Amino acid sequence: MSEMTADSQANLDLFVQRARETRQVWGLKAAKGWAVCESNEYQDLVVYPFWSEAGSAQLHCTGEWSQYAPTPIELDLFLDTWLPGMDEDNALVGINWDQELSGEELEPIDLARQLSDRD
């Protein structure tokens, strides 16, 4: 299923690689909207988590996120609309988080650069 490891930088690299290969990313969506949580690193900031695979996202559909389902977002839409919008909202992007919701938290523009720079 997933090639994710305990190494958050390796998980970020995997996210970038898979997003570029599949041309999509995975978020968690419910009737009330997209999953979001407080940052583990920065006070008063929210994080939108995304994964490179549906199966990795599905692992998080428990507890307070039990009503959510893995939902694909086309990479072009993610780059052109989502990331700039999150940047305007001063939100962060959580990438390929583990089951404890731990992993990289990036500025949206930094993630956009990484997704765009690796041809």
C-alpha atoms as a PDB file:
ATOM      1  CA  MET A   1       0.000   0.000   0.000  1.00  0.00           C
ATOM      2  CA  SER A   2       2.064   2.915   1.240  1.00  0.00           C
ATOM      3  CA  GLU A   3       5.786   3.488   1.039  1.00  0.00           C
ATOM      4  CA  MET A   4       5.666   6.071   3.822  1.00  0.00           C
ATOM      5  CA  THR A   5       8.228   5.818   6.600  1.00  0.00           C
ATOM      6  CA  ALA A   6       8.961   7.457   9.952  1.00  0.00           C
ATOM      7  CA  ASP A   7      11.146   9.956   8.060  1.00  0.00           C
ATOM      8  CA  SER A   8       8.974  13.024   7.396  1.00  0.00           C
ATOM      9  CA  GLN A   9      11.401  14.383   4.761  1.00  0.00           C
ATOM     10  CA  ALA A  10      11.249  11.059   2.884  1.00  0.00           C
ATOM     11  CA  ASN A  11       7.448  11.208   3.096  1.00  0.00           C
ATOM     12  CA  LEU A  12       7.531  14.724   1.642  1.00  0.00           C
ATOM     13  CA  ASP A  13       9.769  13.533  -1.193  1.00  0.00           C
ATOM     14  CA  LEU A  14       7.366  10.648  -1.821  1.00  0.00           C
ATOM     15  CA  PHE A  15       4.435  13.078  -1.885  1.00  0.00           C
ATOM     16  CA  VAL A  16       6.130  15.278  -4.492  1.00  0.00           C
ATOM     17  CA  GLN A  17       7.132  12.285  -6.615  1.00  0.00           C
ATOM     18  CA  ARG A  18       3.683  10.644  -6.525  1.00  0.00           C
ATOM     19  CA  ALA A  19       1.779  13.888  -7.049  1.00  0.00           C
ATOM     20  CA  ARG A  20       3.809  14.571 -10.157  1.00  0.00           C
ATOM     21  CA  GLU A  21       3.368  10.993 -11.429  1.00  0.00           C
ATOM     22  CA  THR A  22      -0.375  10.663 -10.768  1.00  0.00           C
ATOM     23  CA  ARG A  23      -1.220  14.364 -11.258  1.00  0.00           C
ATOM     24  CA  GLN A  24      -3.337  14.337  -8.091  1.00  0.00           C
ATOM     25  CA  VAL A  25      -3.204  14.614  -4.324  1.00  0.00           C
ATOM     26  CA  TRP A  26      -5.605  13.293  -1.695  1.00  0.00           C
ATOM     27  CA  GLY A  27      -7.417  15.243   1.013  1.00  0.00           C
ATOM     28  CA  LEU A  28     -10.171  14.274   3.434  1.00  0.00           C
ATOM     29  CA  LYS A  29     -13.619  15.659   2.696  1.00  0.00           C
ATOM     30  CA  ALA A  30     -16.954  15.435   4.502  1.00  0.00           C
ATOM     31  CA  ALA A  31     -20.307  17.161   4.037  1.00  0.00           C
ATOM     32  CA  LYS A  32     -19.066  20.014   6.240  1.00  0.00           C
ATOM     33  CA  GLY A  33     -15.907  20.564   4.176  1.00  0.00           C
ATOM     34  CA  TRP A  34     -12.261  19.550   4.131  1.00  0.00           C
ATOM     35  CA  ALA A  35     -10.337  18.199   7.116  1.00  0.00           C
ATOM     36  CA  VAL A  36      -8.203  20.750   8.915  1.00  0.00           C
ATOM     37  CA  CYS A  37      -6.438  20.784  12.273  1.00  0.00           C
ATOM     38  CA  GLU A  38      -4.208  22.918  14.437  1.00  0.00           C
ATOM     39  CA  SER A  39      -0.522  23.079  13.632  1.00  0.00           C
ATOM     40  CA  ASN A  40       1.826  20.936  15.708  1.00  0.00           C
ATOM     41  CA  GLU A  41       4.601  23.475  15.167  1.00  0.00           C
ATOM     42  CA  TYR A  42       3.080  26.961  15.045  1.00  0.00           C
ATOM     43  CA  GLN A  43       0.606  28.472  17.451  1.00  0.00           C
ATOM     44  CA  ASP A  44      -2.603  29.882  15.944  1.00  0.00           C
ATOM     45  CA  LEU A  45      -2.096  28.345  12.491  1.00  0.00           C
ATOM     46  CA  VAL A  46      -4.237  25.687  10.862  1.00  0.00           C
ATOM     47  CA  VAL A  47      -3.026  22.897   8.626  1.00  0.00           C
ATOM     48  CA  TYR A  48      -4.768  21.203   5.727  1.00  0.00           C
ATOM     49  CA  PRO A  49      -3.451  17.631   5.484  1.00  0.00           C
ATOM     50  CA  PHE A  50      -2.866  15.942   2.126  1.00  0.00           C
ATOM     51  CA  TRP A  51      -1.511  12.563   1.099  1.00  0.00           C
ATOM     52  CA  SER A  52      -0.005  11.078  -2.039  1.00  0.00           C
ATOM     53  CA  GLU A  53      -2.245   7.979  -1.943  1.00  0.00           C
ATOM     54  CA  ALA A  54      -5.889   7.280  -1.139  1.00  0.00           C
ATOM     55  CA  GLY A  55      -4.934   4.417   1.185  1.00  0.00           C
ATOM     56  CA  SER A  56      -2.719   6.639   3.312  1.00  0.00           C
ATOM     57  CA  ALA A  57      -5.487   9.224   3.580  1.00  0.00           C
ATOM     58  CA  GLN A  58      -8.052   6.522   4.453  1.00  0.00           C
ATOM     59  CA  LEU A  59      -6.050   5.545   7.558  1.00  0.00           C
ATOM     60  CA  HIS A  60      -7.034   8.901   9.064  1.00  0.00           C
ATOM     61  CA  CYS A  61     -10.805   8.488   8.636  1.00  0.00           C
ATOM     62  CA  THR A  62     -11.330   7.600  12.296  1.00  0.00           C
ATOM     63  CA  GLY A  63     -12.313   9.428  15.459  1.00  0.00           C
ATOM     64  CA  GLU A  64     -13.221  13.037  14.799  1.00  0.00           C
ATOM     65  CA  TRP A  65     -12.537  12.448  11.084  1.00  0.00           C
ATOM     66  CA  SER A  66     -14.708   9.315  10.824  1.00  0.00           C
ATOM     67  CA  GLN A  67     -17.208  11.161   8.611  1.00  0.00           C
ATOM     68  CA  TYR A  68     -14.495  12.105   6.112  1.00  0.00           C
ATOM     69  CA  ALA A  69     -13.475  10.214   2.985  1.00  0.00           C
ATOM     70  CA  PRO A  70     -10.324  10.355   0.844  1.00  0.00           C
ATOM     71  CA  THR A  71     -11.012  12.705  -2.041  1.00  0.00           C
ATOM     72  CA  PRO A  72      -8.696  13.333  -4.995  1.00  0.00           C
ATOM     73  CA  ILE A  73      -7.724  16.828  -6.116  1.00  0.00           C
ATOM     74  CA  GLU A  74      -6.178  17.280  -9.552  1.00  0.00           C
ATOM     75  CA  LEU A  75      -2.620  18.574  -9.251  1.00  0.00           C
ATOM     76  CA  ASP A  76      -3.171  21.546 -11.577  1.00  0.00           C
ATOM     77  CA  LEU A  77      -6.138  22.691  -9.473  1.00  0.00           C
ATOM     78  CA  PHE A  78      -4.103  22.127  -6.301  1.00  0.00           C
ATOM     79  CA  LEU A  79      -1.248  24.260  -7.666  1.00  0.00           C
ATOM     80  CA  ASP A  80      -3.378  26.993  -9.249  1.00  0.00           C
ATOM     81  CA  THR A  81      -6.163  27.392  -6.697  1.00  0.00           C
ATOM     82  CA  TRP A  82      -5.677  25.476  -3.461  1.00  0.00           C
ATOM     83  CA  LEU A  83      -2.124  26.446  -2.567  1.00  0.00           C
ATOM     84  CA  PRO A  84      -2.547  30.168  -3.355  1.00  0.00           C
ATOM     85  CA  GLY A  85      -5.804  30.165  -1.376  1.00  0.00           C
ATOM     86  CA  MET A  86      -4.188  28.520   1.632  1.00  0.00           C
ATOM     87  CA  ASP A  87      -1.352  31.025   1.400  1.00  0.00           C
ATOM     88  CA  GLU A  88      -3.837  33.926   1.445  1.00  0.00           C
ATOM     89  CA  ASP A  89      -5.554  32.349   4.474  1.00  0.00           C
ATOM     90  CA  ASN A  90      -2.202  31.979   6.273  1.00  0.00           C
ATOM     91  CA  ALA A  91      -2.716  28.207   6.504  1.00  0.00           C
ATOM     92  CA  LEU A  92      -0.112  25.461   6.237  1.00  0.00           C
ATOM     93  CA  VAL A  93      -0.042  22.225   4.266  1.00  0.00           C
ATOM     94  CA  GLY A  94       0.515  18.917   6.076  1.00  0.00           C
ATOM     95  CA  ILE A  95       2.175  16.361   3.820  1.00  0.00           C
ATOM     96  CA  ASN A  96       1.842  12.553   4.065  1.00  0.00           C
ATOM     97  CA  TRP A  97       1.240  12.634   7.811  1.00  0.00           C
ATOM     98  CA  ASP A  98       1.507   9.461   9.828  1.00  0.00           C
ATOM     99  CA  GLN A  99      -1.278   8.036  11.986  1.00  0.00           C
ATOM    100  CA  GLU A 100      -0.360  10.397  14.847  1.00  0.00           C
ATOM    101  CA  LEU A 101      -0.889  13.366  12.485  1.00  0.00           C
ATOM    102  CA  SER A 102       2.802  14.058  12.554  1.00  0.00           C
ATOM    103  CA  GLY A 103       4.946  15.087   9.620  1.00  0.00           C
ATOM    104  CA  GLU A 104       6.006  18.025   7.509  1.00  0.00           C
ATOM    105  CA  GLU A 105       4.069  21.295   7.751  1.00  0.00           C
ATOM    106  CA  LEU A 106       4.920  23.597   4.872  1.00  0.00           C
ATOM    107  CA  GLU A 107       4.071  27.034   3.635  1.00  0.00           C
ATOM    108  CA  PRO A 108       1.816  26.510   0.592  1.00  0.00           C
ATOM    109  CA  ILE A 109       4.158  28.467  -1.673  1.00  0.00           C
ATOM    110  CA  ASP A 110       7.123  26.296  -0.623  1.00  0.00           C
ATOM    111  CA  LEU A 111       5.177  23.182  -1.566  1.00  0.00           C
ATOM    112  CA  ALA A 112       4.139  24.749  -4.874  1.00  0.00           C
ATOM    113  CA  ARG A 113       7.809  25.381  -5.671  1.00  0.00           C
ATOM    114  CA  GLN A 114       8.753  21.782  -4.904  1.00  0.00           C
ATOM    115  CA  LEU A 115       5.911  20.407  -7.014  1.00  0.00           C
ATOM    116  CA  SER A 116       6.843  22.708  -9.902  1.00  0.00           C
ATOM    117  CA  ASP A 117      10.649  22.407  -9.784  1.00  0.00           C
ATOM    118  CA  ARG A 118      11.074  18.655 -10.153  1.00  0.00           C
ATOM    119  CA  ASP A 119      10.670  17.874 -13.840  1.00  0.00           C
END
